């Protein structure tokens, strides 16, 4: 299975781009704090999908897919914090949360697919 052809991986890459563009709006003093954190955890999502698919067993693949899922939830929380700190607007938050929800659904479906192959 070639991960670069998967909708779940493509969608998570799009999310990374959106996060980078959005986090550019954060105050400069957040560069090494929240900005860095949201970017790192967004990168973790497609990276762990790719790493999981590079593994030799379904069990390992599922493990990395769950790490990716955890990063999605972490990112979601951090973006709520950015909103709470008034770094982003409610509209910006809702826009990115829509993309996160799409990624969650695709990732859950992908996890279920691998679970059914056990």
N, C-alpha and C. Protein backbone atom coordinates (compact mmCIF):
# COMPACT_ATOMS: atom_id res chain seq x y z
N UNK A 1 0.85 -1.18 0.00
CA UNK A 1 0.00 0.00 0.00
C UNK A 1 0.90 1.25 0.00
N UNK A 2 0.72 2.11 -0.96
CA UNK A 2 1.52 3.32 -1.08
C UNK A 2 0.81 4.46 -0.34
N UNK A 3 1.39 4.89 0.77
CA UNK A 3 0.73 5.89 1.62
C UNK A 3 0.47 7.22 0.91
N UNK A 4 1.30 7.58 -0.07
CA UNK A 4 1.11 8.88 -0.71
C UNK A 4 -0.14 8.95 -1.58
N UNK A 5 -0.76 7.80 -1.81
CA UNK A 5 -2.00 7.76 -2.59
C UNK A 5 -3.24 7.76 -1.71
N UNK A 6 -3.06 7.70 -0.39
CA UNK A 6 -4.19 7.57 0.53
C UNK A 6 -4.83 8.92 0.86
N UNK A 7 -6.16 8.95 0.86
CA UNK A 7 -6.88 10.18 1.20
C UNK A 7 -6.56 10.65 2.61
N UNK A 8 -6.40 9.71 3.54
CA UNK A 8 -6.11 10.08 4.93
C UNK A 8 -4.78 10.81 5.03
N UNK A 9 -3.79 10.37 4.28
CA UNK A 9 -2.47 11.02 4.30
C UNK A 9 -2.53 12.37 3.59
N UNK A 10 -3.21 12.42 2.44
CA UNK A 10 -3.34 13.67 1.70
C UNK A 10 -4.08 14.72 2.53
N UNK A 11 -5.15 14.30 3.17
CA UNK A 11 -5.93 15.23 3.98
C UNK A 11 -5.13 15.76 5.17
N UNK A 12 -4.32 14.90 5.76
CA UNK A 12 -3.51 15.34 6.89
C UNK A 12 -2.39 16.28 6.44
N UNK A 13 -1.90 16.10 5.23
CA UNK A 13 -0.92 17.05 4.68
C UNK A 13 -1.55 18.43 4.47
N UNK A 14 -2.79 18.43 3.98
CA UNK A 14 -3.51 19.70 3.80
C UNK A 14 -3.70 20.39 5.15
N UNK A 15 -3.96 19.59 6.18
CA UNK A 15 -4.12 20.13 7.53
C UNK A 15 -2.82 20.80 8.00
N UNK A 16 -1.69 20.18 7.73
CA UNK A 16 -0.40 20.76 8.11
C UNK A 16 -0.24 22.14 7.47
N UNK A 17 -0.57 22.23 6.20
CA UNK A 17 -0.44 23.52 5.51
C UNK A 17 -1.34 24.57 6.16
N UNK A 18 -2.58 24.20 6.46
CA UNK A 18 -3.51 25.13 7.10
C UNK A 18 -2.98 25.56 8.48
N UNK A 19 -2.41 24.63 9.21
CA UNK A 19 -1.88 24.94 10.54
C UNK A 19 -0.72 25.93 10.42
N UNK A 20 0.15 25.70 9.47
CA UNK A 20 1.28 26.61 9.29
C UNK A 20 0.81 28.02 8.94
N UNK A 21 -0.14 28.11 8.03
CA UNK A 21 -0.65 29.43 7.65
C UNK A 21 -1.36 30.11 8.82
N UNK A 22 -2.13 29.35 9.57
CA UNK A 22 -2.85 29.90 10.71
C UNK A 22 -1.89 30.31 11.83
N UNK A 23 -0.91 29.48 12.09
CA UNK A 23 0.02 29.77 13.19
C UNK A 23 0.95 30.94 12.87
N UNK A 24 1.03 31.32 11.61
CA UNK A 24 1.77 32.53 11.25
C UNK A 24 1.15 33.78 11.89
N UNK A 25 -0.13 33.66 12.26
CA UNK A 25 -0.84 34.78 12.86
C UNK A 25 -0.58 34.91 14.36
N UNK A 26 0.01 33.88 14.96
CA UNK A 26 0.27 33.92 16.40
C UNK A 26 1.31 34.99 16.69
N UNK A 27 1.29 35.54 17.91
CA UNK A 27 2.32 36.53 18.27
C UNK A 27 3.72 35.93 18.16
N UNK A 28 4.66 36.78 17.83
CA UNK A 28 6.05 36.33 17.64
C UNK A 28 6.63 35.72 18.92
N UNK A 29 6.17 36.19 20.10
CA UNK A 29 6.69 35.61 21.34
C UNK A 29 6.25 34.16 21.55
N UNK A 30 5.30 33.70 20.74
CA UNK A 30 4.85 32.30 20.82
C UNK A 30 5.64 31.38 19.88
N UNK A 31 6.58 31.93 19.14
CA UNK A 31 7.31 31.16 18.14
C UNK A 31 7.88 29.86 18.71
N UNK A 32 8.46 29.91 19.89
CA UNK A 32 9.08 28.73 20.48
C UNK A 32 8.17 28.03 21.48
N UNK A 33 6.94 28.45 21.52
CA UNK A 33 5.97 27.84 22.43
C UNK A 33 4.80 27.26 21.62
N UNK A 34 3.68 27.93 21.66
CA UNK A 34 2.48 27.38 21.02
C UNK A 34 2.63 27.23 19.51
N UNK A 35 3.26 28.18 18.86
CA UNK A 35 3.46 28.07 17.40
C UNK A 35 4.24 26.81 17.07
N UNK A 36 5.34 26.62 17.75
CA UNK A 36 6.17 25.44 17.53
C UNK A 36 5.39 24.16 17.84
N UNK A 37 4.64 24.18 18.92
CA UNK A 37 3.91 22.99 19.35
C UNK A 37 2.82 22.58 18.36
N UNK A 38 2.03 23.55 17.88
CA UNK A 38 0.96 23.19 16.93
C UNK A 38 1.56 22.69 15.62
N UNK A 39 2.67 23.28 15.23
CA UNK A 39 3.30 22.82 13.98
C UNK A 39 3.88 21.42 14.14
N UNK A 40 4.54 21.16 15.25
CA UNK A 40 5.13 19.84 15.47
C UNK A 40 4.07 18.75 15.54
N UNK A 41 3.00 19.01 16.25
CA UNK A 41 2.00 17.95 16.36
C UNK A 41 1.22 17.79 15.05
N UNK A 42 1.06 18.85 14.27
CA UNK A 42 0.40 18.68 12.97
C UNK A 42 1.27 17.84 12.04
N UNK A 43 2.58 18.07 12.07
CA UNK A 43 3.51 17.28 11.25
C UNK A 43 3.48 15.82 11.66
N UNK A 44 3.25 15.58 12.93
CA UNK A 44 3.22 14.21 13.46
C UNK A 44 2.10 13.37 12.83
N UNK A 45 1.04 14.01 12.41
CA UNK A 45 -0.12 13.27 11.89
C UNK A 45 0.21 12.52 10.60
N UNK A 46 0.59 13.20 9.51
CA UNK A 46 0.93 12.44 8.30
C UNK A 46 2.21 11.61 8.46
N UNK A 47 3.13 12.09 9.30
CA UNK A 47 4.38 11.36 9.50
C UNK A 47 4.13 9.99 10.12
N UNK A 48 3.25 9.92 11.11
CA UNK A 48 2.96 8.64 11.75
C UNK A 48 2.11 7.73 10.88
N UNK A 49 1.29 8.31 10.03
CA UNK A 49 0.57 7.48 9.05
C UNK A 49 1.58 6.80 8.13
N UNK A 50 2.53 7.59 7.63
CA UNK A 50 3.56 7.05 6.74
C UNK A 50 4.41 6.01 7.46
N UNK A 51 4.84 6.33 8.68
CA UNK A 51 5.68 5.38 9.41
C UNK A 51 4.94 4.08 9.70
N UNK A 52 3.68 4.21 10.07
CA UNK A 52 2.88 3.00 10.35
C UNK A 52 2.76 2.11 9.14
N UNK A 53 2.57 2.70 7.97
CA UNK A 53 2.44 1.91 6.76
C UNK A 53 3.76 1.31 6.32
N UNK A 54 4.85 1.87 6.82
CA UNK A 54 6.17 1.31 6.52
C UNK A 54 6.53 0.13 7.42
N UNK A 55 5.70 -0.14 8.39
CA UNK A 55 5.97 -1.24 9.32
C UNK A 55 5.57 -2.58 8.71
N UNK A 56 6.04 -3.63 9.33
CA UNK A 56 5.86 -4.97 8.76
C UNK A 56 4.64 -5.73 9.27
N UNK A 57 3.91 -5.13 10.20
CA UNK A 57 2.75 -5.86 10.73
C UNK A 57 1.58 -4.91 10.94
N UNK A 58 0.39 -5.49 10.89
CA UNK A 58 -0.81 -4.70 11.14
C UNK A 58 -0.80 -4.11 12.54
N UNK A 59 -0.28 -4.89 13.51
CA UNK A 59 -0.24 -4.41 14.89
C UNK A 59 0.59 -3.14 15.00
N UNK A 60 1.75 -3.12 14.37
CA UNK A 60 2.60 -1.92 14.40
C UNK A 60 1.96 -0.77 13.64
N UNK A 61 1.34 -1.08 12.51
CA UNK A 61 0.67 -0.05 11.72
C UNK A 61 -0.42 0.61 12.55
N UNK A 62 -1.24 -0.19 13.19
CA UNK A 62 -2.33 0.33 14.03
C UNK A 62 -1.76 1.20 15.15
N UNK A 63 -0.66 0.77 15.74
CA UNK A 63 -0.03 1.54 16.82
C UNK A 63 0.32 2.95 16.34
N UNK A 64 0.93 3.06 15.18
CA UNK A 64 1.31 4.37 14.66
C UNK A 64 0.10 5.19 14.21
N UNK A 65 -0.94 4.52 13.75
CA UNK A 65 -2.16 5.23 13.40
C UNK A 65 -2.81 5.84 14.64
N UNK A 66 -2.73 5.12 15.76
CA UNK A 66 -3.24 5.67 17.01
C UNK A 66 -2.40 6.84 17.51
N UNK A 67 -1.11 6.80 17.29
CA UNK A 67 -0.27 7.95 17.63
C UNK A 67 -0.70 9.17 16.80
N UNK A 68 -0.95 8.94 15.53
CA UNK A 68 -1.43 10.00 14.64
C UNK A 68 -2.75 10.56 15.15
N UNK A 69 -3.64 9.68 15.58
CA UNK A 69 -4.94 10.10 16.11
C UNK A 69 -4.75 10.94 17.37
N UNK A 70 -3.84 10.53 18.23
CA UNK A 70 -3.56 11.30 19.44
C UNK A 70 -3.05 12.69 19.10
N UNK A 71 -2.22 12.79 18.08
CA UNK A 71 -1.70 14.09 17.64
C UNK A 71 -2.82 14.98 17.12
N UNK A 72 -3.81 14.38 16.48
CA UNK A 72 -4.97 15.16 16.02
C UNK A 72 -5.71 15.79 17.19
N UNK A 73 -5.91 15.00 18.24
CA UNK A 73 -6.61 15.52 19.42
C UNK A 73 -5.76 16.56 20.15
N UNK A 74 -4.47 16.35 20.18
CA UNK A 74 -3.57 17.32 20.78
C UNK A 74 -3.63 18.64 20.01
N UNK A 75 -3.59 18.56 18.70
CA UNK A 75 -3.67 19.75 17.85
C UNK A 75 -4.98 20.48 18.08
N UNK A 76 -6.05 19.75 18.14
CA UNK A 76 -7.37 20.35 18.37
C UNK A 76 -7.37 21.15 19.68
N UNK A 77 -6.83 20.57 20.72
CA UNK A 77 -6.77 21.24 22.02
C UNK A 77 -5.93 22.51 21.94
N UNK A 78 -4.79 22.42 21.30
CA UNK A 78 -3.91 23.58 21.18
C UNK A 78 -4.55 24.71 20.39
N UNK A 79 -5.35 24.37 19.40
CA UNK A 79 -6.03 25.40 18.62
C UNK A 79 -7.15 26.05 19.43
N UNK A 80 -7.80 25.28 20.29
CA UNK A 80 -8.77 25.89 21.21
C UNK A 80 -8.06 26.86 22.15
N UNK A 81 -6.86 26.49 22.59
CA UNK A 81 -6.09 27.39 23.45
C UNK A 81 -5.70 28.67 22.71
N UNK A 82 -5.32 28.52 21.44
CA UNK A 82 -5.00 29.70 20.63
C UNK A 82 -6.21 30.61 20.51
N UNK A 83 -7.38 30.02 20.39
CA UNK A 83 -8.61 30.81 20.35
C UNK A 83 -8.85 31.49 21.70
N UNK A 84 -8.70 30.73 22.78
CA UNK A 84 -8.88 31.29 24.13
C UNK A 84 -7.95 32.47 24.38
N UNK A 85 -6.75 32.40 23.82
CA UNK A 85 -5.76 33.48 23.98
C UNK A 85 -5.96 34.59 22.95
N UNK A 86 -6.98 34.43 22.13
CA UNK A 86 -7.35 35.41 21.10
C UNK A 86 -6.28 35.58 20.02
N UNK A 87 -5.59 34.47 19.72
CA UNK A 87 -4.62 34.48 18.63
C UNK A 87 -5.30 34.22 17.30
N UNK A 88 -6.45 33.54 17.36
CA UNK A 88 -7.24 33.26 16.16
C UNK A 88 -8.70 33.57 16.45
N UNK A 89 -9.45 33.85 15.39
CA UNK A 89 -10.87 34.17 15.54
C UNK A 89 -11.70 32.89 15.62
N UNK A 90 -12.95 33.06 16.00
CA UNK A 90 -13.86 31.92 16.06
C UNK A 90 -14.04 31.32 14.66
N UNK A 91 -14.11 32.17 13.66
CA UNK A 91 -14.26 31.69 12.28
C UNK A 91 -13.04 30.86 11.85
N UNK A 92 -11.85 31.34 12.19
CA UNK A 92 -10.63 30.60 11.87
C UNK A 92 -10.60 29.26 12.60
N UNK A 93 -11.01 29.29 13.86
CA UNK A 93 -11.06 28.05 14.64
C UNK A 93 -12.02 27.06 14.01
N UNK A 94 -13.22 27.52 13.70
CA UNK A 94 -14.23 26.62 13.10
C UNK A 94 -13.74 26.05 11.77
N UNK A 95 -13.09 26.86 10.99
CA UNK A 95 -12.58 26.42 9.69
C UNK A 95 -11.58 25.27 9.85
N UNK A 96 -10.64 25.45 10.77
CA UNK A 96 -9.61 24.41 10.95
C UNK A 96 -10.19 23.19 11.66
N UNK A 97 -11.16 23.39 12.54
CA UNK A 97 -11.79 22.25 13.22
C UNK A 97 -12.55 21.37 12.23
N UNK A 98 -13.09 21.98 11.18
CA UNK A 98 -13.76 21.21 10.13
C UNK A 98 -12.76 20.28 9.46
N UNK A 99 -11.57 20.78 9.18
CA UNK A 99 -10.52 19.95 8.56
C UNK A 99 -10.06 18.86 9.52
N UNK A 100 -9.94 19.19 10.80
CA UNK A 100 -9.55 18.19 11.80
C UNK A 100 -10.59 17.09 11.88
N UNK A 101 -11.86 17.45 11.85
CA UNK A 101 -12.94 16.45 11.89
C UNK A 101 -12.87 15.52 10.68
N UNK A 102 -12.60 16.08 9.52
CA UNK A 102 -12.44 15.26 8.31
C UNK A 102 -11.28 14.28 8.49
N UNK A 103 -10.17 14.76 9.01
CA UNK A 103 -9.01 13.90 9.24
C UNK A 103 -9.33 12.81 10.26
N UNK A 104 -10.05 13.15 11.31
CA UNK A 104 -10.43 12.16 12.32
C UNK A 104 -11.26 11.04 11.70
N UNK A 105 -12.23 11.42 10.88
CA UNK A 105 -13.10 10.42 10.25
C UNK A 105 -12.30 9.50 9.33
N UNK A 106 -11.44 10.09 8.52
CA UNK A 106 -10.61 9.28 7.61
C UNK A 106 -9.68 8.36 8.40
N UNK A 107 -9.08 8.89 9.45
CA UNK A 107 -8.15 8.10 10.25
C UNK A 107 -8.87 6.99 10.99
N UNK A 108 -10.04 7.27 11.54
CA UNK A 108 -10.82 6.22 12.21
C UNK A 108 -11.19 5.11 11.23
N UNK A 109 -11.58 5.49 10.03
CA UNK A 109 -11.91 4.49 9.02
C UNK A 109 -10.70 3.65 8.66
N UNK A 110 -9.56 4.28 8.58
CA UNK A 110 -8.33 3.57 8.24
C UNK A 110 -7.92 2.62 9.37
N UNK A 111 -8.06 3.07 10.60
CA UNK A 111 -7.76 2.21 11.76
C UNK A 111 -8.70 1.01 11.75
N UNK A 112 -9.98 1.24 11.51
CA UNK A 112 -10.95 0.13 11.48
C UNK A 112 -10.63 -0.86 10.37
N UNK A 113 -10.16 -0.34 9.24
CA UNK A 113 -9.76 -1.21 8.13
C UNK A 113 -8.65 -2.15 8.58
N UNK A 114 -7.62 -1.61 9.23
CA UNK A 114 -6.52 -2.46 9.67
C UNK A 114 -6.93 -3.40 10.80
N UNK A 115 -7.82 -2.96 11.65
CA UNK A 115 -8.30 -3.82 12.74
C UNK A 115 -9.05 -5.02 12.17
N UNK A 116 -9.78 -4.80 11.08
CA UNK A 116 -10.57 -5.89 10.49
C UNK A 116 -9.68 -6.92 9.78
N UNK A 117 -8.41 -6.56 9.53
CA UNK A 117 -7.48 -7.47 8.85
C UNK A 117 -6.73 -8.36 9.82
N UNK A 118 -6.97 -8.20 11.13
CA UNK A 118 -6.24 -8.99 12.14
C UNK A 118 -6.56 -10.47 12.01
